[in-house]
Amino acid sequence: MSIQSTIEQKLQALEPTFLEVENESHMHHVPPNSETHFKVTVVSPRFAGIMPVKRHQQIYALLTDELAGPVHALALHPYTPEEWQARGEARPDSPNCRGGGNS
């Protein structure tokens, strides 16, 4: 199973109404077909009343093995359904890699 698929599967524990896991490794200096850099957008009613840092901690706890091993970078965008709707169901674009991308 790919790392991306594993992340998607583990984040189902948050009961998301929307989940997008994007492999952004190609934007960094890594070998082709790497799975080291990800952007995660997760929308869940379970985030209601929880500060952003606690939301991140919940995600980190679910992905302990991946963060201890193959995943080098993880950009997190956790929202409640209301926050997601207020944003127009859009997440921020990722910045360019400061080390230079392969694109």
C-alpha atoms as a PDB file:
ATOM      1  CA  MET A   1       0.000   0.000   0.000  1.00  0.00           C
ATOM      2  CA  SER A   2       1.311   3.462  -0.833  1.00  0.00           C
ATOM      3  CA  ILE A   3       2.094   5.921   1.937  1.00  0.00           C
ATOM      4  CA  GLN A   4      -0.581   8.229   0.549  1.00  0.00           C
ATOM      5  CA  SER A   5      -3.178   5.459   0.787  1.00  0.00           C
ATOM      6  CA  THR A   6      -2.074   4.628   4.320  1.00  0.00           C
ATOM      7  CA  ILE A   7      -2.468   8.270   5.362  1.00  0.00           C
ATOM      8  CA  GLU A   8      -5.925   8.412   3.772  1.00  0.00           C
ATOM      9  CA  GLN A   9      -6.948   5.224   5.548  1.00  0.00           C
ATOM     10  CA  LYS A  10      -5.692   6.298   8.969  1.00  0.00           C
ATOM     11  CA  LEU A  11      -7.360   9.707   8.756  1.00  0.00           C
ATOM     12  CA  GLN A  12     -10.746   8.019   8.354  1.00  0.00           C
ATOM     13  CA  ALA A  13     -10.643   7.789  12.164  1.00  0.00           C
ATOM     14  CA  LEU A  14     -11.511  11.518  12.162  1.00  0.00           C
ATOM     15  CA  GLU A  15     -14.770  10.767  10.321  1.00  0.00           C
ATOM     16  CA  PRO A  16     -14.080  13.390   7.642  1.00  0.00           C
ATOM     17  CA  THR A  17     -16.769  14.898   5.476  1.00  0.00           C
ATOM     18  CA  PHE A  18     -13.948  15.861   3.092  1.00  0.00           C
ATOM     19  CA  LEU A  19     -10.428  14.470   2.884  1.00  0.00           C
ATOM     20  CA  GLU A  20      -7.718  15.210   0.361  1.00  0.00           C
ATOM     21  CA  VAL A  21      -4.175  13.913   0.699  1.00  0.00           C
ATOM     22  CA  GLU A  22      -1.877  15.342  -1.944  1.00  0.00           C
ATOM     23  CA  ASN A  23       1.597  13.984  -2.611  1.00  0.00           C
ATOM     24  CA  GLU A  24       3.708  17.095  -3.189  1.00  0.00           C
ATOM     25  CA  SER A  25       7.031  15.274  -3.266  1.00  0.00           C
ATOM     26  CA  HIS A  26       7.506  16.134  -6.947  1.00  0.00           C
ATOM     27  CA  MET A  27       7.845  19.787  -5.883  1.00  0.00           C
ATOM     28  CA  HIS A  28      11.002  19.017  -3.886  1.00  0.00           C
ATOM     29  CA  HIS A  29      14.497  17.644  -4.422  1.00  0.00           C
ATOM     30  CA  VAL A  30      13.686  13.983  -3.944  1.00  0.00           C
ATOM     31  CA  PRO A  31      13.957  10.950  -6.228  1.00  0.00           C
ATOM     32  CA  PRO A  32      11.145  10.425  -8.754  1.00  0.00           C
ATOM     33  CA  ASN A  33       8.012   8.700  -7.374  1.00  0.00           C
ATOM     34  CA  SER A  34       8.880   9.617  -3.779  1.00  0.00           C
ATOM     35  CA  GLU A  35       6.259   9.831  -1.054  1.00  0.00           C
ATOM     36  CA  THR A  36       7.900  12.206   1.391  1.00  0.00           C
ATOM     37  CA  HIS A  37       5.963  15.502   1.249  1.00  0.00           C
ATOM     38  CA  PHE A  38       2.186  15.684   1.672  1.00  0.00           C
ATOM     39  CA  LYS A  39      -0.550  18.270   2.007  1.00  0.00           C
ATOM     40  CA  VAL A  40      -3.592  17.117   3.967  1.00  0.00           C
ATOM     41  CA  THR A  41      -6.936  18.876   3.927  1.00  0.00           C
ATOM     42  CA  VAL A  42      -9.384  17.286   6.335  1.00  0.00           C
ATOM     43  CA  VAL A  43     -12.848  18.549   7.229  1.00  0.00           C
ATOM     44  CA  SER A  44     -14.485  16.977  10.243  1.00  0.00           C
ATOM     45  CA  PRO A  45     -17.199  17.906  12.724  1.00  0.00           C
ATOM     46  CA  ARG A  46     -14.891  16.360  15.354  1.00  0.00           C
ATOM     47  CA  PHE A  47     -12.756  19.534  15.155  1.00  0.00           C
ATOM     48  CA  ALA A  48     -15.585  21.711  16.529  1.00  0.00           C
ATOM     49  CA  GLY A  49     -14.471  23.617  19.610  1.00  0.00           C
ATOM     50  CA  ILE A  50     -10.863  22.406  19.279  1.00  0.00           C
ATOM     51  CA  MET A  51      -7.982  24.833  18.819  1.00  0.00           C
ATOM     52  CA  PRO A  52      -5.885  24.392  15.637  1.00  0.00           C
ATOM     53  CA  VAL A  53      -2.848  23.087  17.525  1.00  0.00           C
ATOM     54  CA  LYS A  54      -4.967  20.327  19.096  1.00  0.00           C
ATOM     55  CA  ARG A  55      -6.340  19.413  15.665  1.00  0.00           C
ATOM     56  CA  HIS A  56      -2.771  19.045  14.397  1.00  0.00           C
ATOM     57  CA  GLN A  57      -1.860  16.930  17.412  1.00  0.00           C
ATOM     58  CA  GLN A  58      -4.779  14.577  16.683  1.00  0.00           C
ATOM     59  CA  ILE A  59      -3.542  14.125  13.122  1.00  0.00           C
ATOM     60  CA  TYR A  60       0.085  13.636  14.219  1.00  0.00           C
ATOM     61  CA  ALA A  61      -1.036  10.969  16.695  1.00  0.00           C
ATOM     62  CA  LEU A  62      -2.769   9.040  13.909  1.00  0.00           C
ATOM     63  CA  LEU A  63       0.293   9.278  11.641  1.00  0.00           C
ATOM     64  CA  THR A  64       3.042   8.542  14.176  1.00  0.00           C
ATOM     65  CA  ASP A  65       4.608   5.727  12.143  1.00  0.00           C
ATOM     66  CA  GLU A  66       4.608   7.685   8.891  1.00  0.00           C
ATOM     67  CA  LEU A  67       6.126  10.765  10.526  1.00  0.00           C
ATOM     68  CA  ALA A  68       8.810   8.641  12.193  1.00  0.00           C
ATOM     69  CA  GLY A  69       9.765   7.117   8.871  1.00  0.00           C
ATOM     70  CA  PRO A  70       9.145   8.030   5.272  1.00  0.00           C
ATOM     71  CA  VAL A  71       7.197  11.303   5.614  1.00  0.00           C
ATOM     72  CA  HIS A  72       9.507  14.307   5.745  1.00  0.00           C
ATOM     73  CA  ALA A  73       6.923  17.096   5.546  1.00  0.00           C
ATOM     74  CA  LEU A  74       3.215  17.294   6.256  1.00  0.00           C
ATOM     75  CA  ALA A  75       1.200  20.455   5.592  1.00  0.00           C
ATOM     76  CA  LEU A  76      -2.061  20.285   7.546  1.00  0.00           C
ATOM     77  CA  HIS A  77      -5.289  22.123   6.826  1.00  0.00           C
ATOM     78  CA  PRO A  78      -7.916  20.865   9.311  1.00  0.00           C
ATOM     79  CA  TYR A  79     -11.344  22.527   9.314  1.00  0.00           C
ATOM     80  CA  THR A  80     -14.814  22.072  10.726  1.00  0.00           C
ATOM     81  CA  PRO A  81     -17.531  21.824   8.065  1.00  0.00           C
ATOM     82  CA  GLU A  82     -18.594  25.397   8.889  1.00  0.00           C
ATOM     83  CA  GLU A  83     -15.036  26.732   8.531  1.00  0.00           C
ATOM     84  CA  TRP A  84     -14.605  24.852   5.272  1.00  0.00           C
ATOM     85  CA  GLN A  85     -17.815  26.297   3.874  1.00  0.00           C
ATOM     86  CA  ALA A  86     -16.844  29.829   5.010  1.00  0.00           C
ATOM     87  CA  ARG A  87     -13.532  29.419   3.110  1.00  0.00           C
ATOM     88  CA  GLY A  88     -15.449  28.574  -0.049  1.00  0.00           C
ATOM     89  CA  GLU A  89     -14.191  24.987   0.262  1.00  0.00           C
ATOM     90  CA  ALA A  90     -10.672  26.093  -0.651  1.00  0.00           C
ATOM     91  CA  ARG A  91      -7.351  25.422   1.020  1.00  0.00           C
ATOM     92  CA  PRO A  92      -4.185  27.526   0.690  1.00  0.00           C
ATOM     93  CA  ASP A  93      -1.769  26.814  -2.114  1.00  0.00           C
ATOM     94  CA  SER A  94       1.542  25.334  -1.110  1.00  0.00           C
ATOM     95  CA  PRO A  95       4.578  27.619  -1.316  1.00  0.00           C
ATOM     96  CA  ASN A  96       7.398  26.806  -3.672  1.00  0.00           C
ATOM     97  CA  CYS A  97      10.145  24.645  -2.209  1.00  0.00           C
ATOM     98  CA  ARG A  98      12.926  26.908  -0.933  1.00  0.00           C
ATOM     99  CA  GLY A  99      15.450  24.259  -1.891  1.00  0.00           C
ATOM    100  CA  GLY A 100      14.149  24.261  -5.447  1.00  0.00           C
ATOM    101  CA  GLY A 101      11.685  21.948  -7.072  1.00  0.00           C
ATOM    102  CA  ASN A 102      12.104  19.376  -9.776  1.00  0.00           C
ATOM    103  CA  SER A 103       9.427  20.952 -11.941  1.00  0.00           C
END
